[in-house]
PDB file of all heavy atoms in Angstrom:
ATOM      1  N   SER A   1     -27.598 -20.677   8.284  1.00  0.00           N
ATOM      2  CA  SER A   1     -26.672 -20.922   9.386  1.00  0.00           C
ATOM      3  C   SER A   1     -27.387 -20.845  10.725  1.00  0.00           C
ATOM      4  O   SER A   1     -28.450 -20.223  10.851  1.00  0.00           O
ATOM      5  CB  SER A   1     -25.529 -19.889   9.358  1.00  0.00           C
ATOM      6  OG  SER A   1     -24.518 -20.237  10.275  1.00  0.00           O
ATOM      7  N   ASN A   2     -26.792 -21.485  11.705  1.00  0.00           N
ATOM      8  CA  ASN A   2     -27.202 -21.368  13.108  1.00  0.00           C
ATOM      9  C   ASN A   2     -25.936 -21.064  13.898  1.00  0.00           C
ATOM     10  O   ASN A   2     -25.337 -21.950  14.500  1.00  0.00           O
ATOM     11  CB  ASN A   2     -27.850 -22.669  13.576  1.00  0.00           C
ATOM     12  CG  ASN A   2     -28.228 -22.623  15.050  1.00  0.00           C
ATOM     13  OD1 ASN A   2     -28.384 -21.559  15.630  1.00  0.00           O
ATOM     14  ND2 ASN A   2     -28.354 -23.783  15.672  1.00  0.00           N
ATOM     15  N   PRO A   3     -25.488 -19.787  13.882  1.00  0.00           N
ATOM     16  CA  PRO A   3     -24.217 -19.445  14.536  1.00  0.00           C
ATOM     17  C   PRO A   3     -24.326 -19.515  16.047  1.00  0.00           C
ATOM     18  O   PRO A   3     -25.435 -19.578  16.600  1.00  0.00           O
ATOM     19  CB  PRO A   3     -23.977 -18.002  14.065  1.00  0.00           C
ATOM     20  CG  PRO A   3     -25.350 -17.452  13.840  1.00  0.00           C
ATOM     21  CD  PRO A   3     -26.164 -18.611  13.312  1.00  0.00           C
ATOM     22  N   PRO A   4     -23.189 -19.504  16.750  1.00  0.00           N
ATOM     23  CA  PRO A   4     -23.216 -19.574  18.225  1.00  0.00           C
ATOM     24  C   PRO A   4     -23.973 -18.389  18.819  1.00  0.00           C
ATOM     25  O   PRO A   4     -23.877 -17.264  18.329  1.00  0.00           O
ATOM     26  CB  PRO A   4     -21.728 -19.525  18.606  1.00  0.00           C
ATOM     27  CG  PRO A   4     -20.993 -19.903  17.367  1.00  0.00           C
ATOM     28  CD  PRO A   4     -21.824 -19.444  16.225  1.00  0.00           C
ATOM     29  N   TYR A   5     -24.729 -18.653  19.897  1.00  0.00           N
ATOM     30  CA  TYR A   5     -25.478 -17.594  20.583  1.00  0.00           C
ATOM     31  C   TYR A   5     -24.639 -17.029  21.728  1.00  0.00           C
ATOM     32  O   TYR A   5     -24.059 -17.772  22.511  1.00  0.00           O
ATOM     33  CB  TYR A   5     -26.784 -18.121  21.187  1.00  0.00           C
ATOM     34  CG  TYR A   5     -27.689 -18.855  20.248  1.00  0.00           C
ATOM     35  CD1 TYR A   5     -28.501 -19.886  20.697  1.00  0.00           C
ATOM     36  CD2 TYR A   5     -27.743 -18.535  18.897  1.00  0.00           C
ATOM     37  CE1 TYR A   5     -29.344 -20.574  19.849  1.00  0.00           C
ATOM     38  CE2 TYR A   5     -28.575 -19.211  18.032  1.00  0.00           C
ATOM     39  CZ  TYR A   5     -29.374 -20.229  18.505  1.00  0.00           C
ATOM     40  OH  TYR A   5     -30.207 -20.908  17.653  1.00  0.00           O
ATOM     41  N   GLY A   6     -24.630 -15.712  21.835  1.00  0.00           N
ATOM     42  CA  GLY A   6     -24.031 -15.065  22.996  1.00  0.00           C
ATOM     43  C   GLY A   6     -22.573 -15.396  23.240  1.00  0.00           C
ATOM     44  O   GLY A   6     -22.110 -15.348  24.371  1.00  0.00           O
ATOM     45  N   VAL A   7     -21.828 -15.732  22.174  1.00  0.00           N
ATOM     46  CA  VAL A   7     -20.399 -16.034  22.329  1.00  0.00           C
ATOM     47  C   VAL A   7     -19.612 -14.771  22.001  1.00  0.00           C
ATOM     48  O   VAL A   7     -19.791 -14.173  20.940  1.00  0.00           O
ATOM     49  CB  VAL A   7     -19.978 -17.178  21.393  1.00  0.00           C
ATOM     50  CG1 VAL A   7     -18.478 -17.417  21.490  1.00  0.00           C
ATOM     51  CG2 VAL A   7     -20.743 -18.447  21.748  1.00  0.00           C
ATOM     52  N   ASP A   8     -18.742 -14.359  22.926  1.00  0.00           N
ATOM     53  CA  ASP A   8     -18.040 -13.090  22.695  1.00  0.00           C
ATOM     54  C   ASP A   8     -16.924 -13.264  21.671  1.00  0.00           C
ATOM     55  O   ASP A   8     -16.458 -14.370  21.402  1.00  0.00           O
ATOM     56  CB  ASP A   8     -17.499 -12.511  24.004  1.00  0.00           C
ATOM     57  CG  ASP A   8     -16.321 -13.282  24.572  1.00  0.00           C
ATOM     58  OD1 ASP A   8     -15.294 -13.392  23.863  1.00  0.00           O
ATOM     59  OD2 ASP A   8     -16.397 -13.759  25.718  1.00  0.00           O
ATOM     60  N   TRP A   9     -16.520 -12.136  21.082  1.00  0.00           N
ATOM     61  CA  TRP A   9     -15.449 -12.136  20.079  1.00  0.00           C
ATOM     62  C   TRP A   9     -14.264 -11.302  20.554  1.00  0.00           C
ATOM     63  O   TRP A   9     -13.514 -10.729  19.760  1.00  0.00           O
ATOM     64  CB  TRP A   9     -15.966 -11.631  18.730  1.00  0.00           C
ATOM     65  CG  TRP A   9     -16.860 -10.407  18.777  1.00  0.00           C
ATOM     66  CD1 TRP A   9     -18.165 -10.359  19.152  1.00  0.00           C
ATOM     67  CD2 TRP A   9     -16.495  -9.069  18.432  1.00  0.00           C
ATOM     68  NE1 TRP A   9     -18.645  -9.073  19.063  1.00  0.00           N
ATOM     69  CE2 TRP A   9     -17.647  -8.261  18.617  1.00  0.00           C
ATOM     70  CE3 TRP A   9     -15.326  -8.466  17.971  1.00  0.00           C
ATOM     71  CZ2 TRP A   9     -17.648  -6.890  18.361  1.00  0.00           C
ATOM     72  CZ3 TRP A   9     -15.323  -7.109  17.720  1.00  0.00           C
ATOM     73  CH2 TRP A   9     -16.475  -6.339  17.909  1.00  0.00           C
ATOM     74  N   LYS A  10     -14.076 -11.301  21.886  1.00  0.00           N
ATOM     75  CA  LYS A  10     -13.016 -10.500  22.489  1.00  0.00           C
ATOM     76  C   LYS A  10     -11.629 -10.939  22.017  1.00  0.00           C
ATOM     77  O   LYS A  10     -10.741 -10.112  21.800  1.00  0.00           O
ATOM     78  CB  LYS A  10     -13.118 -10.603  24.012  1.00  0.00           C
ATOM     79  CG  LYS A  10     -12.126  -9.741  24.772  1.00  0.00           C
ATOM     80  CD  LYS A  10     -12.354  -9.850  26.281  1.00  0.00           C
ATOM     81  CE  LYS A  10     -11.390  -8.970  27.054  1.00  0.00           C
ATOM     82  NZ  LYS A  10     -11.614  -9.068  28.520  1.00  0.00           N
ATOM     83  N   LYS A  11     -11.443 -12.246  21.841  1.00  0.00           N
ATOM     84  CA  LYS A  11     -10.121 -12.770  21.496  1.00  0.00           C
ATOM     85  C   LYS A  11      -9.622 -12.236  20.155  1.00  0.00           C
ATOM     86  O   LYS A  11      -8.422 -12.115  19.939  1.00  0.00           O
ATOM     87  CB  LYS A  11     -10.151 -14.303  21.466  1.00  0.00           C
ATOM     88  CG  LYS A  11     -10.259 -14.950  22.826  1.00  0.00           C
ATOM     89  CD  LYS A  11     -10.087 -16.451  22.739  1.00  0.00           C
ATOM     90  CE  LYS A  11     -11.211 -17.107  21.962  1.00  0.00           C
ATOM     91  NZ  LYS A  11     -11.123 -18.591  21.994  1.00  0.00           N
ATOM     92  N   TYR A  12     -10.526 -11.961  19.248  1.00  0.00           N
ATOM     93  CA  TYR A  12     -10.111 -11.470  17.932  1.00  0.00           C
ATOM     94  C   TYR A  12     -10.751 -10.132  17.594  1.00  0.00           C
ATOM     95  O   TYR A  12     -10.970  -9.798  16.425  1.00  0.00           O
ATOM     96  CB  TYR A  12     -10.423 -12.507  16.857  1.00  0.00           C
ATOM     97  CG  TYR A  12     -11.668 -13.345  17.096  1.00  0.00           C
ATOM     98  CD1 TYR A  12     -12.920 -12.947  16.626  1.00  0.00           C
ATOM     99  CD2 TYR A  12     -11.576 -14.553  17.791  1.00  0.00           C
ATOM    100  CE1 TYR A  12     -14.045 -13.730  16.849  1.00  0.00           C
ATOM    101  CE2 TYR A  12     -12.702 -15.319  18.022  1.00  0.00           C
ATOM    102  CZ  TYR A  12     -13.926 -14.919  17.549  1.00  0.00           C
ATOM    103  OH  TYR A  12     -15.044 -15.678  17.779  1.00  0.00           O
ATOM    104  N   ALA A  13     -11.049  -9.346  18.645  1.00  0.00           N
ATOM    105  CA  ALA A  13     -11.693  -8.043  18.443  1.00  0.00           C
ATOM    106  C   ALA A  13     -10.806  -7.095  17.644  1.00  0.00           C
ATOM    107  O   ALA A  13     -11.295  -6.343  16.789  1.00  0.00           O
ATOM    108  CB  ALA A  13     -12.059  -7.431  19.791  1.00  0.00           C
ATOM    109  N   ASP A  14      -9.498  -7.105  17.925  1.00  0.00           N
ATOM    110  CA  ASP A  14      -8.599  -6.173  17.230  1.00  0.00           C
ATOM    111  C   ASP A  14      -8.611  -6.409  15.724  1.00  0.00           C
ATOM    112  O   ASP A  14      -8.634  -5.454  14.938  1.00  0.00           O
ATOM    113  CB  ASP A  14      -7.170  -6.316  17.770  1.00  0.00           C
ATOM    114  CG  ASP A  14      -7.031  -5.793  19.203  1.00  0.00           C
ATOM    115  OD1 ASP A  14      -7.925  -5.043  19.636  1.00  0.00           O
ATOM    116  OD2 ASP A  14      -6.049  -6.157  19.869  1.00  0.00           O
ATOM    117  N   MET A  15      -8.606  -7.679  15.309  1.00  0.00           N
ATOM    118  CA  MET A  15      -8.605  -7.996  13.886  1.00  0.00           C
ATOM    119  C   MET A  15      -9.891  -7.535  13.206  1.00  0.00           C
ATOM    120  O   MET A  15      -9.882  -6.978  12.105  1.00  0.00           O
ATOM    121  CB  MET A  15      -8.429  -9.511  13.683  1.00  0.00           C
ATOM    122  CG  MET A  15      -7.108 -10.051  14.160  1.00  0.00           C
ATOM    123  SD  MET A  15      -6.990 -11.845  13.963  1.00  0.00           S
ATOM    124  CE  MET A  15      -7.120 -11.994  12.185  1.00  0.00           C
ATOM    125  N   ILE A  16     -11.011  -7.751  13.885  1.00  0.00           N
ATOM    126  CA  ILE A  16     -12.299  -7.389  13.300  1.00  0.00           C
ATOM    127  C   ILE A  16     -12.452  -5.866  13.237  1.00  0.00           C
ATOM    128  O   ILE A  16     -12.919  -5.320  12.221  1.00  0.00           O
ATOM    129  CB  ILE A  16     -13.443  -8.031  14.104  1.00  0.00           C
ATOM    130  CG1 ILE A  16     -13.423  -9.555  13.902  1.00  0.00           C
ATOM    131  CG2 ILE A  16     -14.794  -7.459  13.705  1.00  0.00           C
ATOM    132  CD1 ILE A  16     -14.435 -10.313  14.717  1.00  0.00           C
ATOM    133  N   ARG A  17     -12.053  -5.186  14.292  1.00  0.00           N
ATOM    134  CA  ARG A  17     -12.134  -3.723  14.277  1.00  0.00           C
ATOM    135  C   ARG A  17     -11.229  -3.136  13.208  1.00  0.00           C
ATOM    136  O   ARG A  17     -11.587  -2.171  12.523  1.00  0.00           O
ATOM    137  CB  ARG A  17     -11.761  -3.177  15.653  1.00  0.00           C
ATOM    138  CG  ARG A  17     -12.849  -3.396  16.706  1.00  0.00           C
ATOM    139  CD  ARG A  17     -12.406  -2.932  18.062  1.00  0.00           C
ATOM    140  NE  ARG A  17     -13.457  -3.095  19.053  1.00  0.00           N
ATOM    141  CZ  ARG A  17     -13.257  -3.456  20.308  1.00  0.00           C
ATOM    142  NH1 ARG A  17     -12.023  -3.698  20.738  1.00  0.00           N
ATOM    143  NH2 ARG A  17     -14.271  -3.587  21.145  1.00  0.00           N
ATOM    144  N   GLU A  18     -10.049  -3.718  13.064  1.00  0.00           N
ATOM    145  CA  GLU A  18      -9.130  -3.230  12.037  1.00  0.00           C
ATOM    146  C   GLU A  18      -9.717  -3.435  10.646  1.00  0.00           C
ATOM    147  O   GLU A  18      -9.625  -2.554   9.778  1.00  0.00           O
ATOM    148  CB  GLU A  18      -7.789  -3.965  12.159  1.00  0.00           C
ATOM    149  CG  GLU A  18      -6.740  -3.479  11.177  1.00  0.00           C
ATOM    150  CD  GLU A  18      -5.410  -4.197  11.344  1.00  0.00           C
ATOM    151  OE1 GLU A  18      -5.259  -4.945  12.333  1.00  0.00           O
ATOM    152  OE2 GLU A  18      -4.525  -4.014  10.491  1.00  0.00           O
ATOM    153  N   GLU A  19     -10.351  -4.597  10.435  1.00  0.00           N
ATOM    154  CA  GLU A  19     -10.988  -4.857   9.136  1.00  0.00           C
ATOM    155  C   GLU A  19     -12.106  -3.863   8.869  1.00  0.00           C
ATOM    156  O   GLU A  19     -12.260  -3.345   7.759  1.00  0.00           O
ATOM    157  CB  GLU A  19     -11.529  -6.288   9.090  1.00  0.00           C
ATOM    158  CG  GLU A  19     -12.231  -6.618   7.778  1.00  0.00           C
ATOM    159  CD  GLU A  19     -12.783  -8.027   7.732  1.00  0.00           C
ATOM    160  OE1 GLU A  19     -12.354  -8.862   8.554  1.00  0.00           O
ATOM    161  OE2 GLU A  19     -13.650  -8.295   6.870  1.00  0.00           O
ATOM    162  N   ARG A  20     -12.903  -3.580   9.898  1.00  0.00           N
ATOM    163  CA  ARG A  20     -13.998  -2.616   9.747  1.00  0.00           C
ATOM    164  C   ARG A  20     -13.468  -1.232   9.396  1.00  0.00           C
ATOM    165  O   ARG A  20     -13.993  -0.547   8.515  1.00  0.00           O
ATOM    166  CB  ARG A  20     -14.819  -2.587  11.034  1.00  0.00           C
ATOM    167  CG  ARG A  20     -15.770  -1.407  11.170  1.00  0.00           C
ATOM    168  CD  ARG A  20     -16.830  -1.371  10.107  1.00  0.00           C
ATOM    169  NE  ARG A  20     -17.659  -0.183  10.257  1.00  0.00           N
ATOM    170  CZ  ARG A  20     -18.445   0.308   9.320  1.00  0.00           C
ATOM    171  NH1 ARG A  20     -18.518  -0.271   8.140  1.00  0.00           N
ATOM    172  NH2 ARG A  20     -19.165   1.390   9.539  1.00  0.00           N
ATOM    173  N   GLU A  21     -12.390  -0.808  10.069  1.00  0.00           N
ATOM    174  CA  GLU A  21     -11.822   0.511   9.813  1.00  0.00           C
ATOM    175  C   GLU A  21     -11.190   0.584   8.430  1.00  0.00           C
ATOM    176  O   GLU A  21     -11.328   1.592   7.725  1.00  0.00           O
ATOM    177  CB  GLU A  21     -10.783   0.840  10.883  1.00  0.00           C
ATOM    178  CG  GLU A  21     -11.391   1.063  12.271  1.00  0.00           C
ATOM    179  CD  GLU A  21     -10.332   1.213  13.348  1.00  0.00           C
ATOM    180  OE1 GLU A  21      -9.132   1.224  12.991  1.00  0.00           O
ATOM    181  OE2 GLU A  21     -10.687   1.311  14.538  1.00  0.00           O
ATOM    182  N   ASP A  22     -10.503  -0.486   8.031  1.00  0.00           N
ATOM    183  CA  ASP A  22      -9.799  -0.468   6.743  1.00  0.00           C
ATOM    184  C   ASP A  22     -10.762  -0.580   5.558  1.00  0.00           C
ATOM    185  O   ASP A  22     -10.618   0.120   4.561  1.00  0.00           O
ATOM    186  CB  ASP A  22      -8.779  -1.610   6.677  1.00  0.00           C
ATOM    187  CG  ASP A  22      -7.622  -1.403   7.648  1.00  0.00           C
ATOM    188  OD1 ASP A  22      -7.470  -0.271   8.143  1.00  0.00           O
ATOM    189  OD2 ASP A  22      -6.888  -2.378   7.920  1.00  0.00           O
ATOM    190  N   ASP A  23     -11.749  -1.488   5.661  1.00  0.00           N
ATOM    191  CA  ASP A  23     -12.630  -1.766   4.523  1.00  0.00           C
ATOM    192  C   ASP A  23     -13.885  -0.896   4.505  1.00  0.00           C
ATOM    193  O   ASP A  23     -14.467  -0.676   3.442  1.00  0.00           O
ATOM    194  CB  ASP A  23     -13.036  -3.247   4.525  1.00  0.00           C
ATOM    195  CG  ASP A  23     -11.828  -4.154   4.351  1.00  0.00           C
ATOM    196  OD1 ASP A  23     -10.763  -3.656   3.963  1.00  0.00           O
ATOM    197  OD2 ASP A  23     -11.955  -5.372   4.624  1.00  0.00           O
ATOM    198  N   GLY A  24     -14.325  -0.429   5.680  1.00  0.00           N
ATOM    199  CA  GLY A  24     -15.501   0.448   5.729  1.00  0.00           C
ATOM    200  C   GLY A  24     -16.718  -0.155   5.064  1.00  0.00           C
ATOM    201  O   GLY A  24     -17.032  -1.333   5.237  1.00  0.00           O
ATOM    202  N   ASP A  25     -17.392   0.648   4.249  1.00  0.00           N
ATOM    203  CA  ASP A  25     -18.623   0.211   3.597  1.00  0.00           C
ATOM    204  C   ASP A  25     -18.377  -0.761   2.448  1.00  0.00           C
ATOM    205  O   ASP A  25     -19.326  -1.268   1.856  1.00  0.00           O
ATOM    206  CB  ASP A  25     -19.397   1.429   3.076  1.00  0.00           C
ATOM    207  CG  ASP A  25     -19.943   2.285   4.218  1.00  0.00           C
ATOM    208  OD1 ASP A  25     -19.966   1.778   5.350  1.00  0.00           O
ATOM    209  OD2 ASP A  25     -20.328   3.439   3.968  1.00  0.00           O
TER     210      ASP A  25
END
């Protein structure tokens, strides 16, 4: 892959943080 450089994820930060907290390792 060549993902976007320096693009923020503020718009969907809540979803990603929630996934990290719920799924953990």
